[in-house]
Amino acid sequence: MSPKTDAIIIGAGPSGIALAHKLKQKLGFNNFTVYEKLDGPGGTWRSNVYPGCGCDIPTHLYSFSFNLNPTWSKELCEQEEILDYMEATVDKFDFRPHMVFNTSCEGATWLSGEKKWEVRFFEEKTKQRFTKKASIFVSAIGSIAEPRKANFPGMEEFQGTVFHTARWNLDYDYRGKRMALIGNGCSAAQVFPTVAPKVKYLKQYVFPELANRPSLRNPQWYHERPNRDFTSFEKFCFKYVPFWQRYHRYSLFSMSDALVTTYGADDKAKVLRERTEQSAKEYIYATAPNKYHDILVPKFPLGCKRRIFDPGYLEALHRPNVKLAPEGISRIDATGITSESGVREEFDCIVLATGFAVTDFLSPLKVKGRGGVDLHEQWNEHVGAQAYLGMYIHNFPNFALMFGPNTFPAHNSVIFASEVQVDYLAKTLFRPLMDGVADTVEVKEGPENDFVADIDQELSGTVWTAGCSNWYINADGRNSASWPGYALNFWRRTLFPKWKDFTMEGGSSFWILKKGYRTIAGVLFSQPALLCSAAVFGIWAMDNGFPQRLREGMSRMLK
């Protein structure tokens, strides 16, 4: 391994943890540091602590393949249990010494002369700024890290408490208060039924930012959310029956991936979609109050917005202390909110469930690549963020994105997608530099543009282009978030790198020897090899005649 190869990783969420495991446990590479702006690992599961926060993907699937958890309490777990799992994974594999917390990244610059990235940081506690250099720079920030800004007229005048669901104020006691909940996405659906029994009054503004665009007022497709606890027997089987949990994960993955067939443009997809839509309508009609049916049932096709598996939201709408307002916000004043129809009500607190700036990749980082090219300016010359396989960008050598543009699975585990990306980065970036094959790896502009064109073609005619307001579409009207097909196809596409799509510079003439040495060392010091050696040593120590028989056997083999 080249002694100069080192890496800086931004973000200690699921993607950062998956990358740390690949580097340390699989590649034997320890010269990396993970910087995290929060006070610990876990990413979105550490920052999102709002009441009712949980996962809408089966938890056995929303977990690392290298650290299965047989003791999950239920099919869809809450935030606290998932965060505990993330923390336990970090400690199990001893990643914490590689992590620096309370430190945010402000940007990075490629130093061509040194073939290094100079990364700028801000220490949240001391308020000090500093820089670090590394040959590899990876962003594992994720796209649900920065809340989408909400700028309603007069919001700065409000004298009560205002906070976003992703920045929930744990010091504020909302019990017995009048609360306004702004937004109607997944977070709002989880918060609403959890706080409704505790507040004095709860009003939800479901179309807050569309006062002047009524055609874009889109409700959500709600589906039944079966979420039972696992029995002790099931946990026993997950833990002790060989491959039981692996098979369960595979079944969940296959079922989740099959949902993609309902999002396509062909006649078969349309039939499947209409059948699922009818089932959702029946569930909404049977569960929600009659007066809200017209508000709740969408007019757009299933999948145009991310589906919501109802955590009790529709049932909570029956409570006498709640109200649903199907309109936008005209103005916020010192003590209340006036809707676009002129109705004013007073509130003690305002909760913003307005989602995340999903398509603002790497915002607000300032990243400059080869020749001083600014990443965001380069993206602005196109139609927003783009990257080769969602990971590599031309003009930015030795730099990679985790969960970059067009890598979001339609309704599958993002952790699966993260592990797929981690494997690809190990093959195409880390190993070439570690073995001395190259000093820099950079995708070519042509293949990057071709990949984006192919993705756009695959996305055309799908439900994501049906015209509803969703977080997949960026400011230029391009879907820069969705992966257009099966999650399994993303894995297939990254299985064998197309080396002709990359430019590789520098390296050592002895890279074959370095790679051979690392491969042999990896085999000799792998866990199976060490266990075998320990077993042989144990037999040797217990059986006095074993050494002699071993020598005689080796002599016969050498004759």
Protein backbone atom coordinates (compact mmCIF):
# COMPACT_ATOMS: atom_id res chain seq x y z
CA MET A 1 0.00 0.00 0.00
CA SER A 2 1.26 3.46 -0.84
CA PRO A 3 2.03 5.28 2.44
CA LYS A 4 0.61 8.52 1.04
CA THR A 5 -2.86 7.07 0.47
CA ASP A 6 -5.27 8.47 3.02
CA ALA A 7 -8.93 9.44 2.99
CA ILE A 8 -11.31 11.98 4.46
CA ILE A 9 -14.97 10.98 4.70
CA ILE A 10 -17.72 13.46 5.52
CA GLY A 11 -20.67 12.05 7.45
CA ALA A 12 -21.02 9.28 10.04
CA GLY A 13 -24.52 8.22 9.04
CA PRO A 14 -25.39 4.81 7.52
CA SER A 15 -23.33 5.47 4.35
CA GLY A 16 -20.27 6.61 6.30
CA ILE A 17 -20.51 3.58 8.58
CA ALA A 18 -20.82 1.21 5.61
CA LEU A 19 -17.75 2.77 3.97
CA ALA A 20 -15.76 2.56 7.21
CA HIS A 21 -16.54 -1.16 7.42
CA LYS A 22 -15.43 -1.81 3.85
CA LEU A 23 -12.16 0.06 4.35
CA LYS A 24 -11.20 -1.31 7.74
CA GLN A 25 -12.64 -4.81 7.76
CA LYS A 26 -12.39 -5.80 4.09
CA LEU A 27 -9.51 -3.78 2.64
CA GLY A 28 -7.39 -3.57 5.79
CA PHE A 29 -7.16 0.17 5.20
CA ASN A 30 -7.02 2.23 8.40
CA ASN A 31 -5.67 5.56 7.16
CA PHE A 32 -9.05 7.31 7.03
CA THR A 33 -10.98 9.79 9.17
CA VAL A 34 -14.73 10.34 9.27
CA TYR A 35 -15.84 13.88 10.18
CA GLU A 36 -19.35 14.39 11.52
CA LYS A 37 -21.06 17.67 12.45
CA LEU A 38 -23.33 15.99 15.02
CA ASP A 39 -22.16 14.78 18.43
CA GLY A 40 -22.14 11.10 17.44
CA PRO A 41 -22.78 8.60 14.62
CA GLY A 42 -26.14 7.74 13.12
CA GLY A 43 -26.78 10.61 10.71
CA THR A 44 -30.48 11.19 10.13
CA TRP A 45 -31.36 8.89 13.04
CA ARG A 46 -29.46 11.17 15.40
CA SER A 47 -30.77 14.49 14.04
CA ASN A 48 -34.42 13.42 13.65
CA VAL A 49 -35.82 12.97 17.15
CA TYR A 50 -39.36 14.24 16.59
CA PRO A 51 -42.24 12.36 18.25
CA GLY A 52 -43.21 9.27 16.27
CA CYS A 53 -40.05 9.18 14.17
CA GLY A 54 -39.52 5.74 12.65
CA CYS A 55 -38.62 3.77 9.54
CA ASP A 56 -41.08 2.93 6.75
CA ILE A 57 -38.84 0.16 5.38
CA PRO A 58 -38.85 -3.23 7.18
CA THR A 59 -36.05 -2.97 9.72
CA HIS A 60 -34.54 -6.35 8.92
CA LEU A 61 -33.96 -4.94 5.43
CA TYR A 62 -32.98 -1.48 6.69
CA SER A 63 -29.79 -2.82 8.30
CA PHE A 64 -26.23 -3.65 7.32
CA SER A 65 -25.54 -6.98 5.61
CA PHE A 66 -22.35 -7.26 7.67
CA ASN A 67 -24.13 -6.78 11.01
CA LEU A 68 -27.52 -8.42 11.05
CA ASN A 69 -29.61 -7.79 14.15
CA PRO A 70 -31.78 -10.78 15.16
CA THR A 71 -33.35 -8.87 18.08
CA TRP A 72 -35.27 -6.14 16.25
CA SER A 73 -38.40 -5.55 18.31
CA LYS A 74 -40.85 -5.12 15.43
CA GLU A 75 -41.20 -4.99 11.67
CA LEU A 76 -40.86 -1.19 11.47
CA CYS A 77 -38.78 0.16 14.32
CA GLU A 78 -38.65 3.64 15.81
CA GLN A 79 -35.79 6.12 15.76
CA GLU A 80 -34.30 5.27 19.15
CA GLU A 81 -33.88 1.57 18.40
CA ILE A 82 -32.35 2.26 14.98
CA LEU A 83 -29.92 4.79 16.46
CA ASP A 84 -28.88 2.26 19.11
CA TYR A 85 -28.18 -0.21 16.31
CA MET A 86 -26.03 2.34 14.45
CA GLU A 87 -24.08 3.10 17.62
CA ALA A 88 -23.63 -0.61 18.37
CA THR A 89 -22.32 -1.22 14.83
CA VAL A 90 -19.75 1.56 15.21
CA ASP A 91 -18.52 0.12 18.52
CA LYS A 92 -18.60 -3.52 17.41
CA PHE A 93 -16.14 -2.84 14.58
CA ASP A 94 -14.15 -0.20 16.46
CA PHE A 95 -14.89 2.68 14.07
CA ARG A 96 -15.11 5.35 16.77
CA PRO A 97 -11.32 6.04 16.87
CA HIS A 98 -11.63 6.99 13.18
CA MET A 99 -14.44 9.47 13.82
CA VAL A 100 -14.31 13.16 14.74
CA PHE A 101 -17.61 14.62 15.94
CA ASN A 102 -18.98 18.15 16.31
CA THR A 103 -17.04 19.10 13.18
CA SER A 104 -18.72 20.31 10.01
CA CYS A 105 -17.19 20.45 6.55
CA GLU A 106 -17.32 23.81 4.78
CA GLY A 107 -15.71 22.81 1.49
CA ALA A 108 -12.67 21.40 -0.26
CA THR A 109 -10.15 22.30 -2.98
CA TRP A 110 -8.17 19.95 -5.22
CA LEU A 111 -4.42 20.67 -5.13
CA SER A 112 -3.14 19.42 -8.48
CA GLY A 113 0.53 19.79 -7.56
CA GLU A 114 0.19 17.64 -4.46
CA LYS A 115 -2.57 15.38 -5.83
CA LYS A 116 -4.42 15.97 -2.61
CA TRP A 117 -7.70 17.41 -1.42
CA GLU A 118 -7.50 20.27 1.06
CA VAL A 119 -10.66 20.07 3.13
CA ARG A 120 -11.95 22.95 5.29
CA PHE A 121 -13.63 22.29 8.63
CA PHE A 122 -15.44 24.18 11.37
CA GLU A 123 -15.29 22.90 14.94
CA GLU A 124 -18.78 23.46 16.34
CA LYS A 125 -17.78 23.73 20.02
CA THR A 126 -14.62 25.85 19.84
CA LYS A 127 -15.80 27.80 16.75
CA GLN A 128 -12.35 27.26 15.23
CA ARG A 129 -11.64 26.62 11.55
CA PHE A 130 -8.91 24.29 10.30
CA THR A 131 -7.87 22.34 7.19
CA LYS A 132 -6.79 18.77 6.54
CA LYS A 133 -5.32 17.15 3.42
CA ALA A 134 -5.97 13.70 1.97
CA SER A 135 -5.56 11.91 -1.34
CA ILE A 136 -9.20 10.70 -1.30
CA PHE A 137 -12.24 12.81 -0.41
CA VAL A 138 -15.69 11.19 -0.05
CA SER A 139 -18.96 12.87 0.82
CA ALA A 140 -21.30 10.57 2.75
CA ILE A 141 -23.49 13.45 3.89
CA GLY A 142 -26.74 12.09 2.47
CA SER A 143 -29.62 14.07 1.04
CA ILE A 144 -31.96 14.23 4.01
CA ALA A 145 -29.51 16.19 6.13
CA GLU A 146 -30.48 19.80 5.42
CA PRO A 147 -34.09 20.85 6.12
CA ARG A 148 -35.82 22.66 3.31
CA LYS A 149 -36.05 26.34 4.15
CA ALA A 150 -39.52 27.74 4.76
CA ASN A 151 -39.93 31.49 4.31
CA PHE A 152 -43.55 32.39 4.93
CA PRO A 153 -44.43 36.10 5.04
CA GLY A 154 -44.05 37.45 8.57
CA MET A 155 -42.55 34.26 10.03
CA GLU A 156 -39.77 36.26 11.69
CA GLU A 157 -42.43 38.21 13.64
CA PHE A 158 -43.85 35.15 15.40
CA GLN A 159 -43.19 35.38 19.14
CA GLY A 160 -43.90 31.76 19.93
CA THR A 161 -41.66 28.75 19.26
CA VAL A 162 -40.79 27.66 15.71
CA PHE A 163 -38.74 24.61 14.72
CA HIS A 164 -38.39 22.04 11.93
CA THR A 165 -39.17 18.38 12.57
CA ALA A 166 -35.51 17.57 11.77
CA ARG A 167 -34.44 20.08 14.44
CA TRP A 168 -37.04 19.19 17.04
CA ASN A 169 -36.77 21.33 20.18
CA LEU A 170 -36.56 18.78 22.99
CA ASP A 171 -36.57 21.58 25.59
CA TYR A 172 -39.99 22.79 24.49
CA ASP A 173 -42.99 21.28 26.28
CA TYR A 174 -45.80 21.19 23.72
CA ARG A 175 -48.31 19.53 26.02
CA GLY A 176 -51.47 21.57 26.41
CA LYS A 177 -50.37 24.03 23.71
CA ARG A 178 -51.94 25.17 20.45
CA MET A 179 -49.76 23.75 17.67
CA ALA A 180 -49.66 24.49 13.93
CA LEU A 181 -48.16 21.69 11.83
CA ILE A 182 -47.08 22.84 8.37
CA GLY A 183 -46.64 20.17 5.69
CA ASN A 184 -48.11 16.78 4.75
CA GLY A 185 -45.19 14.44 4.08
CA CYS A 186 -43.92 11.39 5.96
CA SER A 187 -42.63 13.38 8.94
CA ALA A 188 -45.96 15.18 9.37
CA ALA A 189 -47.84 11.87 9.20
CA GLN A 190 -45.68 10.52 12.03
CA VAL A 191 -45.78 13.64 14.21
CA PHE A 192 -49.54 14.24 13.93
CA PRO A 193 -50.91 11.10 15.66
CA THR A 194 -48.17 11.20 18.29
CA VAL A 195 -48.70 14.78 19.50
CA ALA A 196 -52.49 14.98 18.93
CA PRO A 197 -53.45 13.38 22.26
CA LYS A 198 -51.12 15.73 24.18
CA VAL A 199 -51.74 19.17 22.67
CA LYS A 200 -54.72 21.41 23.33
CA TYR A 201 -55.31 22.04 19.63
CA LEU A 202 -53.58 20.86 16.46
CA LYS A 203 -54.10 22.34 13.01
CA GLN A 204 -52.31 21.00 9.97
CA TYR A 205 -51.75 23.17 6.90
CA VAL A 206 -51.35 20.51 4.24
CA PHE A 207 -50.48 22.69 1.23
CA PRO A 208 -48.43 25.46 2.86
CA GLU A 209 -46.22 26.70 0.03
CA LEU A 210 -48.59 26.44 -2.92
CA ALA A 211 -50.89 29.43 -2.34
CA ASN A 212 -50.29 30.68 -5.88
CA ARG A 213 -50.03 27.26 -7.55
CA PRO A 214 -53.27 25.36 -6.81
CA SER A 215 -52.60 22.87 -9.61
CA LEU A 216 -49.62 21.56 -7.65
CA ARG A 217 -51.53 20.91 -4.45
CA ASN A 218 -50.96 17.22 -4.02
CA PRO A 219 -52.08 15.01 -1.14
CA GLN A 220 -50.49 11.63 -0.41
CA TRP A 221 -51.24 8.00 -1.13
CA TYR A 222 -51.80 6.37 2.29
CA HIS A 223 -51.57 2.62 2.78
CA GLU A 224 -52.18 0.34 5.71
CA ARG A 225 -49.08 -0.08 7.86
CA PRO A 226 -49.04 -3.47 9.55
CA ASN A 227 -46.37 -3.27 12.22
CA ARG A 228 -46.40 -6.13 14.67
CA ASP A 229 -43.87 -7.08 17.32
CA PHE A 230 -41.65 -10.08 16.66
CA THR A 231 -42.24 -13.04 18.97
CA SER A 232 -39.50 -14.59 21.09
CA PHE A 233 -39.62 -17.67 18.86
CA GLU A 234 -39.05 -15.55 15.74
CA LYS A 235 -36.08 -13.81 17.36
CA PHE A 236 -34.70 -17.21 18.37
CA CYS A 237 -34.96 -18.42 14.77
CA PHE A 238 -33.34 -15.24 13.44
CA LYS A 239 -30.43 -15.76 15.80
CA TYR A 240 -29.84 -19.51 15.76
CA VAL A 241 -31.41 -21.10 12.66
CA PRO A 242 -28.80 -20.96 9.85
CA PHE A 243 -29.68 -18.54 7.04
CA TRP A 244 -33.18 -17.92 8.45
CA GLN A 245 -32.63 -14.19 8.82
CA ARG A 246 -30.79 -13.98 5.48
CA TYR A 247 -33.75 -15.60 3.76
CA HIS A 248 -36.15 -13.23 5.53
CA ARG A 249 -34.10 -10.25 4.33
CA TYR A 250 -34.04 -11.59 0.79
CA SER A 251 -37.82 -12.03 0.81
CA LEU A 252 -38.31 -8.45 2.03
CA PHE A 253 -35.88 -7.16 -0.60
CA SER A 254 -37.61 -9.03 -3.42
CA MET A 255 -41.06 -7.80 -2.38
CA SER A 256 -39.86 -4.21 -2.04
CA ASP A 257 -38.06 -4.30 -5.39
CA ALA A 258 -41.15 -5.71 -7.09
CA LEU A 259 -43.00 -2.47 -6.27
CA VAL A 260 -40.98 -0.82 -9.05
CA THR A 261 -43.15 -2.60 -11.62
CA THR A 262 -46.05 -0.31 -10.67
CA TYR A 263 -44.07 2.85 -11.47
CA GLY A 264 -43.31 2.20 -15.15
CA ALA A 265 -44.85 3.58 -18.34
CA ASP A 266 -46.16 0.38 -19.95
CA ASP A 267 -49.71 -1.01 -19.84
CA LYS A 268 -48.80 -3.74 -17.35
CA ALA A 269 -47.50 -1.13 -14.90
CA LYS A 270 -50.64 0.93 -15.34
CA VAL A 271 -52.89 -2.03 -14.48
CA LEU A 272 -50.85 -2.88 -11.38
CA ARG A 273 -50.77 0.77 -10.34
CA GLU A 274 -54.53 1.23 -10.67
CA ARG A 275 -55.12 -1.90 -8.60
CA THR A 276 -52.87 -0.61 -5.81
CA GLU A 277 -54.45 2.84 -6.03
CA GLN A 278 -57.89 1.33 -5.54
CA SER A 279 -56.69 -0.53 -2.47
CA ALA A 280 -55.26 2.72 -1.04
CA LYS A 281 -58.49 4.60 -1.74
CA GLU A 282 -60.52 1.96 0.07
CA TYR A 283 -58.18 2.21 3.05
CA ILE A 284 -58.44 6.03 3.15
CA TYR A 285 -62.25 5.95 2.83
CA ALA A 286 -62.56 3.34 5.58
CA THR A 287 -60.17 5.04 8.02
CA ALA A 288 -60.35 8.83 7.63
CA PRO A 289 -63.33 11.11 8.46
CA ASN A 290 -65.73 11.57 5.54
CA LYS A 291 -65.26 15.35 5.55
CA TYR A 292 -61.59 14.92 4.58
CA HIS A 293 -61.94 12.31 1.83
CA ASP A 294 -61.75 14.80 -1.05
CA ILE A 295 -58.69 16.42 0.53
CA LEU A 296 -56.83 13.18 1.16
CA VAL A 297 -57.28 11.18 -2.07
CA PRO A 298 -54.69 12.11 -4.73
CA LYS A 299 -55.43 12.77 -8.39
CA PHE A 300 -51.91 11.86 -9.53
CA PRO A 301 -50.67 8.27 -10.15
CA LEU A 302 -49.27 6.13 -7.38
CA GLY A 303 -45.53 6.62 -6.85
CA CYS A 304 -45.27 10.18 -8.17
CA LYS A 305 -44.68 11.07 -4.52
CA ARG A 306 -43.22 8.67 -1.97
CA ARG A 307 -45.95 6.45 -0.55
CA ILE A 308 -46.90 6.74 3.13
CA PHE A 309 -47.62 3.65 5.18
CA ASP A 310 -50.04 5.14 7.69
CA PRO A 311 -48.68 5.28 11.27
CA GLY A 312 -52.11 6.16 12.68
CA TYR A 313 -52.48 9.52 10.98
CA LEU A 314 -55.85 8.92 9.32
CA GLU A 315 -57.40 7.57 12.52
CA ALA A 316 -56.10 10.57 14.49
CA LEU A 317 -58.07 12.90 12.20
CA HIS A 318 -61.21 11.81 14.11
CA ARG A 319 -60.02 13.54 17.29
CA PRO A 320 -62.10 16.59 18.34
CA ASN A 321 -59.01 18.76 18.96
CA VAL A 322 -57.53 18.49 15.44
CA LYS A 323 -58.25 20.17 12.13
CA LEU A 324 -57.00 19.74 8.59
CA ALA A 325 -56.66 22.88 6.47
CA PRO A 326 -56.41 22.16 2.72
CA GLU A 327 -54.97 25.56 1.87
CA GLY A 328 -51.83 27.64 1.90
CA ILE A 329 -50.55 30.24 4.33
CA SER A 330 -51.08 33.92 3.59
CA ARG A 331 -49.18 35.38 6.52
CA ILE A 332 -47.71 34.69 9.95
CA ASP A 333 -47.81 37.41 12.61
CA ALA A 334 -46.67 37.72 16.22
CA THR A 335 -49.22 35.28 17.64
CA GLY A 336 -50.86 33.38 14.81
CA ILE A 337 -51.33 32.32 11.20
CA THR A 338 -53.70 33.63 8.54
CA SER A 339 -54.59 31.15 5.81
CA GLU A 340 -55.06 32.12 2.17
CA SER A 341 -58.83 32.12 2.67
CA GLY A 342 -58.45 34.76 5.40
CA VAL A 343 -59.00 32.54 8.43
CA ARG A 344 -56.72 33.57 11.32
CA GLU A 345 -55.93 31.42 14.33
CA GLU A 346 -53.53 31.85 17.22
CA PHE A 347 -50.82 29.34 18.09
CA ASP A 348 -48.19 28.80 20.76
CA CYS A 349 -45.82 26.93 18.45
CA ILE A 350 -45.28 26.24 14.75
CA VAL A 351 -43.74 22.96 13.59
CA LEU A 352 -42.29 22.92 10.08
CA ALA A 353 -42.69 19.52 8.43
CA THR A 354 -41.59 20.92 5.09
CA GLY A 355 -39.14 18.19 4.17
CA PHE A 356 -35.53 18.35 3.05
CA ALA A 357 -33.48 19.99 0.32
CA VAL A 358 -33.00 16.59 -1.31
CA THR A 359 -31.90 17.80 -4.75
CA ASP A 360 -29.49 20.44 -3.36
CA PHE A 361 -26.62 17.99 -3.32
CA LEU A 362 -23.58 19.04 -1.25
CA SER A 363 -25.23 22.31 -0.29
CA PRO A 364 -23.81 24.46 1.27
CA LEU A 365 -20.30 23.01 0.67
CA LYS A 366 -17.95 24.85 -1.69
CA VAL A 367 -16.01 22.25 -3.66
CA LYS A 368 -13.42 23.21 -6.29
CA GLY A 369 -11.81 20.62 -8.52
CA ARG A 370 -9.22 20.50 -11.26
CA GLY A 371 -8.33 23.98 -12.55
CA GLY A 372 -10.42 25.64 -9.84
CA VAL A 373 -13.73 24.46 -11.34
CA ASP A 374 -16.57 25.09 -8.89
CA LEU A 375 -18.78 22.03 -8.53
CA HIS A 376 -22.08 23.88 -8.21
CA GLU A 377 -21.26 26.16 -11.14
CA GLN A 378 -20.49 23.09 -13.26
CA TRP A 379 -23.82 21.55 -12.26
CA ASN A 380 -25.64 24.81 -13.01
CA GLU A 381 -24.32 24.65 -16.58
CA HIS A 382 -26.36 21.46 -16.97
CA VAL A 383 -29.80 20.90 -15.44
CA GLY A 384 -28.71 20.49 -11.86
CA ALA A 385 -26.62 17.89 -10.08
CA GLN A 386 -25.38 14.90 -12.06
CA ALA A 387 -22.77 12.20 -11.53
CA TYR A 388 -21.58 9.00 -13.16
CA LEU A 389 -23.48 6.20 -11.40
CA GLY A 390 -24.38 8.88 -8.87
CA MET A 391 -20.81 8.80 -7.52
CA TYR A 392 -18.18 10.33 -9.82
CA ILE A 393 -17.96 13.79 -11.43
CA HIS A 394 -15.54 14.85 -14.18
CA ASN A 395 -13.03 17.56 -13.17
CA PHE A 396 -13.04 16.19 -9.61
CA PRO A 397 -10.35 13.48 -9.30
CA ASN A 398 -10.26 11.18 -6.27
CA PHE A 399 -13.63 12.55 -5.17
CA ALA A 400 -16.83 10.55 -4.77
CA LEU A 401 -20.39 11.03 -3.59
CA MET A 402 -22.39 8.62 -1.50
CA PHE A 403 -26.08 8.87 -2.33
CA GLY A 404 -25.48 11.32 -5.09
CA PRO A 405 -27.81 12.14 -7.99
CA ASN A 406 -30.14 9.38 -9.24
CA THR A 407 -29.26 6.77 -6.63
CA PHE A 408 -32.46 6.78 -4.54
CA PRO A 409 -34.30 3.42 -4.75
CA ALA A 410 -38.02 3.78 -5.41
CA HIS A 411 -39.13 1.96 -2.29
CA ASN A 412 -36.27 -0.14 -1.04
CA SER A 413 -33.55 0.06 1.57
CA VAL A 414 -31.14 2.95 1.16
CA ILE A 415 -28.62 0.90 3.15
CA PHE A 416 -28.57 -1.69 0.36
CA ALA A 417 -27.86 1.10 -2.12
CA SER A 418 -25.14 2.46 0.18
CA GLU A 419 -23.40 -0.90 0.38
CA VAL A 420 -23.54 -1.24 -3.41
CA GLN A 421 -21.86 2.15 -3.76
CA VAL A 422 -19.28 1.28 -1.12
CA ASP A 423 -18.29 -1.88 -3.03
CA TYR A 424 -17.96 0.12 -6.26
CA LEU A 425 -15.83 2.82 -4.65
CA ALA A 426 -13.56 0.18 -3.16
CA LYS A 427 -12.99 -1.36 -6.61
CA THR A 428 -12.61 1.83 -8.62
CA LEU A 429 -11.02 4.35 -6.23
CA PHE A 430 -9.53 2.93 -3.05
CA ARG A 431 -7.89 -0.22 -4.41
CA PRO A 432 -6.21 1.50 -7.40
CA LEU A 433 -4.64 4.07 -5.08
CA MET A 434 -3.77 1.56 -2.36
CA ASP A 435 -2.06 -0.76 -4.87
CA GLY A 436 -0.22 2.05 -6.61
CA VAL A 437 -2.04 1.49 -9.92
CA ALA A 438 -2.72 5.23 -10.07
CA ASP A 439 -2.37 8.41 -8.05
CA THR A 440 -5.60 9.88 -9.39
CA VAL A 441 -8.86 8.40 -10.67
CA GLU A 442 -11.34 10.57 -12.54
CA VAL A 443 -14.39 9.80 -14.63
CA LYS A 444 -14.40 11.12 -18.19
CA GLU A 445 -16.95 13.76 -19.18
CA GLY A 446 -18.38 11.74 -22.06
CA PRO A 447 -19.34 8.63 -20.07
CA GLU A 448 -20.78 10.83 -17.32
CA ASN A 449 -23.03 12.68 -19.76
CA ASP A 450 -24.00 9.42 -21.48
CA PHE A 451 -25.00 7.90 -18.15
CA VAL A 452 -27.17 10.90 -17.30
CA ALA A 453 -28.83 10.81 -20.74
CA ASP A 454 -29.60 7.11 -20.31
CA ILE A 455 -31.11 7.73 -16.87
CA ASP A 456 -33.27 10.57 -18.19
CA GLN A 457 -34.49 8.30 -20.99
CA GLU A 458 -35.38 5.53 -18.53
CA LEU A 459 -37.22 8.02 -16.30
CA SER A 460 -39.30 9.47 -19.12
CA GLY A 461 -42.91 8.34 -18.95
CA THR A 462 -42.62 6.96 -15.42
CA VAL A 463 -44.83 8.12 -12.55
CA TRP A 464 -42.14 10.51 -11.30
CA THR A 465 -42.77 12.73 -14.32
CA ALA A 466 -46.55 12.80 -13.79
CA GLY A 467 -46.54 16.44 -12.68
CA CYS A 468 -47.09 16.21 -8.93
CA SER A 469 -44.95 18.23 -6.52
CA ASN A 470 -42.26 15.93 -5.13
CA TRP A 471 -38.72 16.09 -3.83
CA TYR A 472 -37.32 14.10 -6.77
CA ILE A 473 -37.56 17.03 -9.20
CA ASN A 474 -34.98 19.81 -8.94
CA ALA A 475 -35.38 23.53 -9.67
CA ASP A 476 -34.62 22.93 -13.37
CA GLY A 477 -37.38 20.35 -13.71
CA ARG A 478 -35.10 17.31 -13.90
CA ASN A 479 -35.50 14.24 -11.73
CA SER A 480 -32.06 14.22 -10.13
CA ALA A 481 -32.92 11.88 -7.26
CA SER A 482 -34.59 8.67 -8.45
CA TRP A 483 -32.95 5.50 -9.65
CA PRO A 484 -35.33 4.51 -12.47
CA GLY A 485 -35.42 0.75 -12.05
CA TYR A 486 -34.92 -2.13 -9.69
CA ALA A 487 -32.44 -1.81 -6.83
CA LEU A 488 -31.03 -5.13 -8.03
CA ASN A 489 -30.22 -3.53 -11.40
CA PHE A 490 -28.18 -0.85 -9.63
CA TRP A 491 -26.08 -3.63 -8.10
CA ARG A 492 -25.67 -5.31 -11.50
CA ARG A 493 -24.64 -2.04 -13.13
CA THR A 494 -21.86 -1.51 -10.61
CA LEU A 495 -20.64 -5.11 -10.44
CA PHE A 496 -17.98 -4.82 -13.15
CA PRO A 497 -16.35 -1.39 -13.60
CA LYS A 498 -15.93 -0.03 -17.12
CA TRP A 499 -12.33 1.11 -16.83
CA LYS A 500 -12.44 2.84 -20.19
CA ASP A 501 -14.79 5.39 -18.60
CA PHE A 502 -12.02 6.57 -16.27
CA THR A 503 -8.78 8.48 -16.60
CA MET A 504 -6.06 7.13 -14.31
CA GLU A 505 -2.82 9.04 -13.86
CA GLY A 506 0.42 8.37 -12.02
CA GLY A 507 0.99 5.25 -9.99
CA SER A 508 3.92 2.92 -9.44
CA SER A 509 5.71 0.62 -11.88
CA PHE A 510 5.62 -2.03 -9.13
CA TRP A 511 1.87 -1.93 -8.62
CA ILE A 512 1.49 -5.63 -9.53
CA LEU A 513 3.88 -6.57 -6.71
CA LYS A 514 2.08 -4.30 -4.29
CA LYS A 515 -1.29 -5.76 -5.21
CA GLY A 516 0.07 -9.31 -4.93
CA TYR A 517 1.55 -8.59 -1.52
CA ARG A 518 -1.69 -7.04 -0.26
CA THR A 519 -3.75 -9.95 -1.61
CA ILE A 520 -1.52 -12.60 -0.02
CA ALA A 521 -1.38 -10.70 3.26
CA GLY A 522 -5.14 -10.33 3.20
CA VAL A 523 -5.59 -14.08 2.81
CA LEU A 524 -3.02 -15.01 5.46
CA PHE A 525 -4.39 -12.58 8.03
CA SER A 526 -8.07 -13.07 7.21
CA GLN A 527 -10.40 -14.33 9.90
CA PRO A 528 -10.73 -17.86 8.42
CA ALA A 529 -6.95 -18.19 8.12
CA LEU A 530 -6.40 -17.04 11.69
CA LEU A 531 -9.10 -19.39 12.99
CA CYS A 532 -7.51 -22.27 11.09
CA SER A 533 -4.09 -21.41 12.52
CA ALA A 534 -5.54 -21.25 16.01
CA ALA A 535 -7.17 -24.66 15.53
CA VAL A 536 -3.91 -26.20 14.32
CA PHE A 537 -2.02 -24.69 17.24
CA GLY A 538 -4.63 -26.02 19.69
CA ILE A 539 -4.34 -29.54 18.30
CA TRP A 540 -0.55 -29.23 18.41
CA ALA A 541 -0.63 -28.25 22.08
CA MET A 542 -3.04 -31.03 23.10
CA ASP A 543 -1.55 -33.95 21.11
CA ASN A 544 2.12 -34.72 21.67
CA GLY A 545 2.23 -36.97 18.60
CA PHE A 546 0.70 -34.41 16.23
CA PRO A 547 3.94 -32.50 15.39
CA GLN A 548 5.68 -35.72 14.31
CA ARG A 549 2.73 -36.82 12.13
CA LEU A 550 2.54 -33.35 10.59
CA ARG A 551 6.26 -33.41 9.68
CA GLU A 552 5.95 -36.90 8.17
CA GLY A 553 2.92 -35.81 6.11
CA MET A 554 4.74 -32.73 4.81
CA SER A 555 7.78 -34.86 3.89
CA ARG A 556 5.64 -37.25 1.82
CA MET A 557 4.03 -34.30 -0.01
CA LEU A 558 7.44 -32.86 -0.91
CA LYS A 559 8.86 -36.12 -2.28
